[in-house]
C-alpha atoms as a PDB file:
ATOM      1  CA  UNK A   1     249.106-118.383  99.378  1.00  0.00           C
ATOM      2  CA  UNK A   2     245.712-116.964 101.039  1.00  0.00           C
ATOM      3  CA  UNK A   3     246.424-114.364 103.365  1.00  0.00           C
ATOM      4  CA  UNK A   4     245.807-114.561 107.259  1.00  0.00           C
ATOM      5  CA  UNK A   5     246.041-110.922 108.044  1.00  0.00           C
ATOM      6  CA  UNK A   6     243.085-109.308 109.896  1.00  0.00           C
ATOM      7  CA  UNK A   7     240.167-108.916 107.879  1.00  0.00           C
ATOM      8  CA  UNK A   8     238.585-105.398 107.748  1.00  0.00           C
ATOM      9  CA  UNK A   9     235.052-104.639 106.811  1.00  0.00           C
ATOM     10  CA  UNK A  10     234.515-101.206 105.196  1.00  0.00           C
ATOM     11  CA  UNK A  11     230.310-100.159 105.449  1.00  0.00           C
ATOM     12  CA  UNK A  12     230.085 -96.939 103.118  1.00  0.00           C
ATOM     13  CA  UNK A  13     227.008 -96.369 100.708  1.00  0.00           C
ATOM     14  CA  UNK A  14     229.581 -94.287  98.914  1.00  0.00           C
ATOM     15  CA  UNK A  15     231.513 -96.418  96.208  1.00  0.00           C
ATOM     16  CA  UNK A  16     233.992 -93.519  95.570  1.00  0.00           C
ATOM     17  CA  UNK A  17     234.960 -94.065  99.288  1.00  0.00           C
ATOM     18  CA  UNK A  18     234.940 -97.973 100.236  1.00  0.00           C
ATOM     19  CA  UNK A  19     236.440 -99.163  97.274  1.00  0.00           C
ATOM     20  CA  UNK A  20     239.514 -96.969  96.800  1.00  0.00           C
ATOM     21  CA  UNK A  21     239.504 -97.592 100.691  1.00  0.00           C
ATOM     22  CA  UNK A  22     239.530-101.467 100.302  1.00  0.00           C
ATOM     23  CA  UNK A  23     242.538-101.244  97.574  1.00  0.00           C
ATOM     24  CA  UNK A  24     244.449 -99.237  99.751  1.00  0.00           C
ATOM     25  CA  UNK A  25     244.151-101.329 102.902  1.00  0.00           C
ATOM     26  CA  UNK A  26     244.782-104.420 100.711  1.00  0.00           C
ATOM     27  CA  UNK A  27     247.995-103.089  99.484  1.00  0.00           C
ATOM     28  CA  UNK A  28     248.858-102.570 103.316  1.00  0.00           C
ATOM     29  CA  UNK A  29     248.471-106.258 103.682  1.00  0.00           C
ATOM     30  CA  UNK A  30     244.980-106.407 104.960  1.00  0.00           C
ATOM     31  CA  UNK A  31     242.155-108.778 103.642  1.00  0.00           C
ATOM     32  CA  UNK A  32     238.700-106.347 103.183  1.00  0.00           C
ATOM     33  CA  UNK A  33     235.206-107.055 102.750  1.00  0.00           C
ATOM     34  CA  UNK A  34     233.191-104.107 101.127  1.00  0.00           C
ATOM     35  CA  UNK A  35     229.287-103.547 102.253  1.00  0.00           C
ATOM     36  CA  UNK A  36     227.282-100.415 100.807  1.00  0.00           C
ATOM     37  CA  UNK A  37     224.502-100.734 103.698  1.00  0.00           C
ATOM     38  CA  UNK A  38     223.715-102.384 106.990  1.00  0.00           C
ATOM     39  CA  UNK A  39     222.310-105.136 105.512  1.00  0.00           C
ATOM     40  CA  UNK A  40     225.099-106.245 103.558  1.00  0.00           C
ATOM     41  CA  UNK A  41     227.583-105.402 106.637  1.00  0.00           C
ATOM     42  CA  UNK A  42     225.459-107.987 108.803  1.00  0.00           C
ATOM     43  CA  UNK A  43     225.679-110.665 105.956  1.00  0.00           C
ATOM     44  CA  UNK A  44     229.685-110.170 106.078  1.00  0.00           C
ATOM     45  CA  UNK A  45     229.585-110.115 109.931  1.00  0.00           C
ATOM     46  CA  UNK A  46     227.661-113.545 109.981  1.00  0.00           C
ATOM     47  CA  UNK A  47     229.776-115.105 107.226  1.00  0.00           C
ATOM     48  CA  UNK A  48     233.414-113.825 107.779  1.00  0.00           C
ATOM     49  CA  UNK A  49     235.806-113.553 110.751  1.00  0.00           C
ATOM     50  CA  UNK A  50     235.886-109.740 110.659  1.00  0.00           C
ATOM     51  CA  UNK A  51     238.644-108.062 112.801  1.00  0.00           C
ATOM     52  CA  UNK A  52     237.110-104.424 112.581  1.00  0.00           C
ATOM     53  CA  UNK A  53     234.629-102.531 111.067  1.00  0.00           C
ATOM     54  CA  UNK A  54     235.153 -99.175 109.417  1.00  0.00           C
ATOM     55  CA  UNK A  55     231.731 -97.349 109.586  1.00  0.00           C
ATOM     56  CA  UNK A  56     229.974 -94.268 107.615  1.00  0.00           C
ATOM     57  CA  UNK A  57     227.279 -93.069 110.095  1.00  0.00           C
ATOM     58  CA  UNK A  58     225.229 -91.256 107.544  1.00  0.00           C
ATOM     59  CA  UNK A  59     223.652 -94.049 104.958  1.00  0.00           C
ATOM     60  CA  UNK A  60     220.242 -94.737 103.681  1.00  0.00           C
ATOM     61  CA  UNK A  61     217.884 -97.133 105.399  1.00  0.00           C
ATOM     62  CA  UNK A  62     219.603 -97.903 108.506  1.00  0.00           C
ATOM     63  CA  UNK A  63     222.379 -95.935 109.788  1.00  0.00           C
ATOM     64  CA  UNK A  64     225.847 -96.512 111.285  1.00  0.00           C
ATOM     65  CA  UNK A  65     225.003 -95.677 114.396  1.00  0.00           C
ATOM     66  CA  UNK A  66     222.197 -98.328 114.570  1.00  0.00           C
ATOM     67  CA  UNK A  67     224.385-100.821 113.269  1.00  0.00           C
ATOM     68  CA  UNK A  68     227.188 -99.802 115.810  1.00  0.00           C
ATOM     69  CA  UNK A  69     224.967-100.708 118.570  1.00  0.00           C
ATOM     70  CA  UNK A  70     224.042-103.775 117.273  1.00  0.00           C
ATOM     71  CA  UNK A  71     227.788-104.883 116.924  1.00  0.00           C
ATOM     72  CA  UNK A  72     228.364-103.597 120.295  1.00  0.00           C
ATOM     73  CA  UNK A  73     225.978-105.283 121.721  1.00  0.00           C
ATOM     74  CA  UNK A  74     227.097-108.453 120.135  1.00  0.00           C
ATOM     75  CA  UNK A  75     230.371-108.249 121.196  1.00  0.00           C
ATOM     76  CA  UNK A  76     232.476-106.702 118.768  1.00  0.00           C
ATOM     77  CA  UNK A  77     234.511-106.471 116.193  1.00  0.00           C
ATOM     78  CA  UNK A  78     235.706-102.914 117.162  1.00  0.00           C
ATOM     79  CA  UNK A  79     234.325 -99.972 115.335  1.00  0.00           C
ATOM     80  CA  UNK A  80     235.948 -96.551 113.893  1.00  0.00           C
ATOM     81  CA  UNK A  81     233.376 -94.334 112.678  1.00  0.00           C
ATOM     82  CA  UNK A  82     233.580 -92.312 109.707  1.00  0.00           C
ATOM     83  CA  UNK A  83     231.729 -89.040 110.469  1.00  0.00           C
ATOM     84  CA  UNK A  84     231.085 -85.559 108.378  1.00  0.00           C
ATOM     85  CA  UNK A  85     232.794 -82.555 110.100  1.00  0.00           C
ATOM     86  CA  UNK A  86     229.195 -81.397 111.553  1.00  0.00           C
ATOM     87  CA  UNK A  87     228.269 -84.134 113.193  1.00  0.00           C
ATOM     88  CA  UNK A  88     229.690 -83.665 116.407  1.00  0.00           C
ATOM     89  CA  UNK A  89     226.608 -85.030 118.236  1.00  0.00           C
ATOM     90  CA  UNK A  90     226.908 -88.063 116.117  1.00  0.00           C
ATOM     91  CA  UNK A  91     230.571 -88.673 116.973  1.00  0.00           C
ATOM     92  CA  UNK A  92     229.894 -88.335 120.742  1.00  0.00           C
ATOM     93  CA  UNK A  93     226.695 -90.581 120.504  1.00  0.00           C
ATOM     94  CA  UNK A  94     228.752 -93.599 118.537  1.00  0.00           C
ATOM     95  CA  UNK A  95     231.551 -92.993 121.157  1.00  0.00           C
ATOM     96  CA  UNK A  96     228.869 -93.536 123.962  1.00  0.00           C
ATOM     97  CA  UNK A  97     227.798 -96.306 122.300  1.00  0.00           C
ATOM     98  CA  UNK A  98     230.844 -98.212 122.161  1.00  0.00           C
ATOM     99  CA  UNK A  99     232.707 -97.167 118.735  1.00  0.00           C
ATOM    100  CA  UNK A 100     236.652 -97.355 119.335  1.00  0.00           C
ATOM    101  CA  UNK A 101     237.590 -94.216 117.319  1.00  0.00           C
ATOM    102  CA  UNK A 102     236.380 -92.202 114.464  1.00  0.00           C
ATOM    103  CA  UNK A 103     237.479 -90.248 111.774  1.00  0.00           C
ATOM    104  CA  UNK A 104     236.067 -86.962 110.096  1.00  0.00           C
ATOM    105  CA  UNK A 105     235.533 -87.039 106.521  1.00  0.00           C
ATOM    106  CA  UNK A 106     237.399 -86.317 104.118  1.00  0.00           C
ATOM    107  CA  UNK A 107     239.987 -88.127 105.686  1.00  0.00           C
ATOM    108  CA  UNK A 108     244.018 -89.139 105.067  1.00  0.00           C
ATOM    109  CA  UNK A 109     243.764 -93.121 104.227  1.00  0.00           C
ATOM    110  CA  UNK A 110     247.307 -93.072 106.026  1.00  0.00           C
ATOM    111  CA  UNK A 111     245.717 -91.537 109.138  1.00  0.00           C
ATOM    112  CA  UNK A 112     243.219 -94.073 109.098  1.00  0.00           C
ATOM    113  CA  UNK A 113     245.382 -96.883 108.660  1.00  0.00           C
ATOM    114  CA  UNK A 114     247.576 -95.788 111.889  1.00  0.00           C
ATOM    115  CA  UNK A 115     244.315 -95.774 113.780  1.00  0.00           C
ATOM    116  CA  UNK A 116     243.058 -99.053 112.562  1.00  0.00           C
ATOM    117  CA  UNK A 117     246.519-100.929 113.715  1.00  0.00           C
ATOM    118  CA  UNK A 118     246.027 -98.655 117.119  1.00  0.00           C
ATOM    119  CA  UNK A 119     242.679-100.409 117.634  1.00  0.00           C
ATOM    120  CA  UNK A 120     243.850-104.038 116.430  1.00  0.00           C
ATOM    121  CA  UNK A 121     247.119-103.468 118.947  1.00  0.00           C
ATOM    122  CA  UNK A 122     244.670-102.903 122.040  1.00  0.00           C
ATOM    123  CA  UNK A 123     241.792-104.931 120.934  1.00  0.00           C
ATOM    124  CA  UNK A 124     242.606-108.987 122.358  1.00  0.00           C
ATOM    125  CA  UNK A 125     242.686-111.349 119.565  1.00  0.00           C
ATOM    126  CA  UNK A 126     239.369-113.507 119.846  1.00  0.00           C
ATOM    127  CA  UNK A 127     239.811-117.095 121.533  1.00  0.00           C
ATOM    128  CA  UNK A 128     239.510-119.979 119.006  1.00  0.00           C
ATOM    129  CA  UNK A 129     236.238-121.348 119.802  1.00  0.00           C
ATOM    130  CA  UNK A 130     236.134-124.765 121.110  1.00  0.00           C
ATOM    131  CA  UNK A 131     232.855-126.519 121.415  1.00  0.00           C
ATOM    132  CA  UNK A 132     232.392-128.091 124.713  1.00  0.00           C
ATOM    133  CA  UNK A 133     229.783-130.978 123.485  1.00  0.00           C
ATOM    134  CA  UNK A 134     230.623-134.528 122.000  1.00  0.00           C
ATOM    135  CA  UNK A 135     229.299-134.356 118.410  1.00  0.00           C
ATOM    136  CA  UNK A 136     228.946-137.321 116.040  1.00  0.00           C
ATOM    137  CA  UNK A 137     229.653-137.328 112.530  1.00  0.00           C
ATOM    138  CA  UNK A 138     229.097-140.594 110.694  1.00  0.00           C
ATOM    139  CA  UNK A 139     230.565-143.358 112.364  1.00  0.00           C
ATOM    140  CA  UNK A 140     232.834-141.207 114.664  1.00  0.00           C
ATOM    141  CA  UNK A 141     232.538-138.998 117.610  1.00  0.00           C
ATOM    142  CA  UNK A 142     234.396-136.087 118.517  1.00  0.00           C
ATOM    143  CA  UNK A 143     235.401-134.900 122.239  1.00  0.00           C
ATOM    144  CA  UNK A 144     237.055-131.483 122.279  1.00  0.00           C
ATOM    145  CA  UNK A 145     237.701-131.802 125.695  1.00  0.00           C
ATOM    146  CA  UNK A 146     239.811-135.017 125.911  1.00  0.00           C
ATOM    147  CA  UNK A 147     240.820-133.966 122.003  1.00  0.00           C
ATOM    148  CA  UNK A 148     239.970-137.347 120.644  1.00  0.00           C
ATOM    149  CA  UNK A 149     237.794-139.309 118.557  1.00  0.00           C
ATOM    150  CA  UNK A 150     235.726-142.587 119.118  1.00  0.00           C
ATOM    151  CA  UNK A 151     235.442-144.855 116.413  1.00  0.00           C
ATOM    152  CA  UNK A 152     232.624-147.226 115.254  1.00  0.00           C
ATOM    153  CA  UNK A 153     234.477-150.330 117.357  1.00  0.00           C
ATOM    154  CA  UNK A 154     234.801-148.078 120.502  1.00  0.00           C
ATOM    155  CA  UNK A 155     238.061-147.378 120.404  1.00  0.00           C
ATOM    156  CA  UNK A 156     239.674-143.966 121.272  1.00  0.00           C
ATOM    157  CA  UNK A 157     242.247-141.889 118.661  1.00  0.00           C
ATOM    158  CA  UNK A 158     243.855-139.079 120.170  1.00  0.00           C
ATOM    159  CA  UNK A 159     244.041-136.049 118.146  1.00  0.00           C
ATOM    160  CA  UNK A 160     246.788-133.103 118.550  1.00  0.00           C
ATOM    161  CA  UNK A 161     245.097-129.632 119.916  1.00  0.00           C
ATOM    162  CA  UNK A 162     245.651-128.633 115.975  1.00  0.00           C
ATOM    163  CA  UNK A 163     243.689-131.352 114.615  1.00  0.00           C
ATOM    164  CA  UNK A 164     241.033-131.197 117.309  1.00  0.00           C
ATOM    165  CA  UNK A 165     240.469-127.241 116.782  1.00  0.00           C
ATOM    166  CA  UNK A 166     240.282-127.773 112.879  1.00  0.00           C
ATOM    167  CA  UNK A 167     237.940-130.822 113.188  1.00  0.00           C
ATOM    168  CA  UNK A 168     235.830-128.785 115.490  1.00  0.00           C
ATOM    169  CA  UNK A 169     235.643-125.975 113.194  1.00  0.00           C
ATOM    170  CA  UNK A 170     234.628-128.119 110.293  1.00  0.00           C
ATOM    171  CA  UNK A 171     231.825-129.814 112.627  1.00  0.00           C
ATOM    172  CA  UNK A 172     230.856-126.310 113.076  1.00  0.00           C
ATOM    173  CA  UNK A 173     230.179-125.588 109.505  1.00  0.00           C
ATOM    174  CA  UNK A 174     228.862-129.013 107.919  1.00  0.00           C
ATOM    175  CA  UNK A 175     228.268-129.154 104.506  1.00  0.00           C
ATOM    176  CA  UNK A 176     230.065-125.967 104.062  1.00  0.00           C
ATOM    177  CA  UNK A 177     233.207-124.909 101.736  1.00  0.00           C
ATOM    178  CA  UNK A 178     235.606-123.326 104.113  1.00  0.00           C
ATOM    179  CA  UNK A 179     238.819-121.777 102.398  1.00  0.00           C
ATOM    180  CA  UNK A 180     242.142-121.950 104.263  1.00  0.00           C
ATOM    181  CA  UNK A 181     242.265-118.342 105.486  1.00  0.00           C
ATOM    182  CA  UNK A 182     238.576-119.224 107.297  1.00  0.00           C
ATOM    183  CA  UNK A 183     240.242-122.277 108.794  1.00  0.00           C
ATOM    184  CA  UNK A 184     243.188-120.467 109.821  1.00  0.00           C
ATOM    185  CA  UNK A 185     241.017-117.552 111.376  1.00  0.00           C
ATOM    186  CA  UNK A 186     238.142-120.016 113.110  1.00  0.00           C
ATOM    187  CA  UNK A 187     241.064-122.413 114.753  1.00  0.00           C
ATOM    188  CA  UNK A 188     244.198-119.849 115.601  1.00  0.00           C
ATOM    189  CA  UNK A 189     242.813-116.819 115.890  1.00  0.00           C
ATOM    190  CA  UNK A 190     243.502-112.913 114.463  1.00  0.00           C
ATOM    191  CA  UNK A 191     247.210-113.182 115.333  1.00  0.00           C
ATOM    192  CA  UNK A 192     248.119-116.467 114.020  1.00  0.00           C
ATOM    193  CA  UNK A 193     251.460-116.673 112.378  1.00  0.00           C
ATOM    194  CA  UNK A 194     250.851-119.931 110.713  1.00  0.00           C
ATOM    195  CA  UNK A 195     250.246-120.239 107.018  1.00  0.00           C
ATOM    196  CA  UNK A 196     247.770-122.115 104.445  1.00  0.00           C
ATOM    197  CA  UNK A 197     249.968-124.925 104.074  1.00  0.00           C
ATOM    198  CA  UNK A 198     249.583-125.880 107.596  1.00  0.00           C
ATOM    199  CA  UNK A 199     245.621-126.459 107.185  1.00  0.00           C
ATOM    200  CA  UNK A 200     246.732-128.924 104.275  1.00  0.00           C
ATOM    201  CA  UNK A 201     248.893-130.767 106.507  1.00  0.00           C
ATOM    202  CA  UNK A 202     246.445-130.904 109.507  1.00  0.00           C
ATOM    203  CA  UNK A 203     243.597-131.998 106.975  1.00  0.00           C
ATOM    204  CA  UNK A 204     246.096-134.833 106.005  1.00  0.00           C
ATOM    205  CA  UNK A 205     246.972-136.272 109.346  1.00  0.00           C
ATOM    206  CA  UNK A 206     243.214-136.140 109.922  1.00  0.00           C
ATOM    207  CA  UNK A 207     242.201-137.972 106.933  1.00  0.00           C
ATOM    208  CA  UNK A 208     244.900-140.463 107.901  1.00  0.00           C
ATOM    209  CA  UNK A 209     242.996-141.143 111.350  1.00  0.00           C
ATOM    210  CA  UNK A 210     239.499-141.416 110.091  1.00  0.00           C
ATOM    211  CA  UNK A 211     239.106-142.343 106.523  1.00  0.00           C
ATOM    212  CA  UNK A 212     239.154-145.888 105.369  1.00  0.00           C
ATOM    213  CA  UNK A 213     241.076-144.443 102.268  1.00  0.00           C
ATOM    214  CA  UNK A 214     242.865-141.218 102.738  1.00  0.00           C
ATOM    215  CA  UNK A 215     243.329-140.906  98.974  1.00  0.00           C
ATOM    216  CA  UNK A 216     239.817-140.827  98.238  1.00  0.00           C
ATOM    217  CA  UNK A 217     238.009-139.025 101.668  1.00  0.00           C
ATOM    218  CA  UNK A 218     234.532-139.602 102.228  1.00  0.00           C
ATOM    219  CA  UNK A 219     234.522-136.859 104.976  1.00  0.00           C
ATOM    220  CA  UNK A 220     236.896-134.541 104.464  1.00  0.00           C
ATOM    221  CA  UNK A 221     236.764-133.387 100.842  1.00  0.00           C
ATOM    222  CA  UNK A 222     238.672-131.072  99.105  1.00  0.00           C
ATOM    223  CA  UNK A 223     236.586-128.671  96.970  1.00  0.00           C
ATOM    224  CA  UNK A 224     239.203-127.079  94.414  1.00  0.00           C
ATOM    225  CA  UNK A 225     239.992-123.433  94.279  1.00  0.00           C
ATOM    226  CA  UNK A 226     237.598-123.292  97.329  1.00  0.00           C
ATOM    227  CA  UNK A 227     238.944-125.329 100.571  1.00  0.00           C
ATOM    228  CA  UNK A 228     237.588-128.187 102.389  1.00  0.00           C
ATOM    229  CA  UNK A 229     234.212-129.468 103.003  1.00  0.00           C
ATOM    230  CA  UNK A 230     232.931-131.541 105.793  1.00  0.00           C
ATOM    231  CA  UNK A 231     230.536-133.869 103.683  1.00  0.00           C
ATOM    232  CA  UNK A 232     228.675-135.154 107.071  1.00  0.00           C
ATOM    233  CA  UNK A 233     225.641-134.712 109.111  1.00  0.00           C
ATOM    234  CA  UNK A 234     226.579-133.433 112.600  1.00  0.00           C
ATOM    235  CA  UNK A 235     224.776-134.130 115.676  1.00  0.00           C
ATOM    236  CA  UNK A 236     224.932-134.114 119.487  1.00  0.00           C
ATOM    237  CA  UNK A 237     226.579-137.461 120.825  1.00  0.00           C
END
């Protein structure tokens, strides 16, 4: 079963810090992604739903303060800075930029874990993003406002809120394989208590509503070992 716990991004150019820390946080039930520099961190932010960033200040190339400024400017996720003992000025600047907390190197992983949990507790879970406009895929039009589908014959099919959110998430990422954990992140938010089987059940219900042959789907395709893919182009309706 894929974890639905918050995903932590660890950004540090020192492999002997980021990899053991990633292993430790995974043992505590978190999902983790690792980045050795700001470029890798930006790619991770664009590709995944990140709940919190553990960010080293001193890195070659773009430093952590610059990346922190970029993260805050785009509205998150929250940041815990990792700083050297002598970097008082950098710690102050980081907090002024909008970092949520900091840890001084060398640090105790258990203390960092406590700080991560504290920041997550006081950070509101992101609201699921529901598109406001009607969109067409194949012969169907999805209307998120009314949680319905308009078929090729003009008839309207009612969707549950979960079905509409899941379809909306797939319409946001057409022709892209989305894992169950990623779909849970996109549709249920970080505090979801759901499990990956809920995604399978919702997919099955959607297929019964939109596929001519649900056993051989044309639109919502299973990628074995990967997840699900919307095999259609999407356009505004």
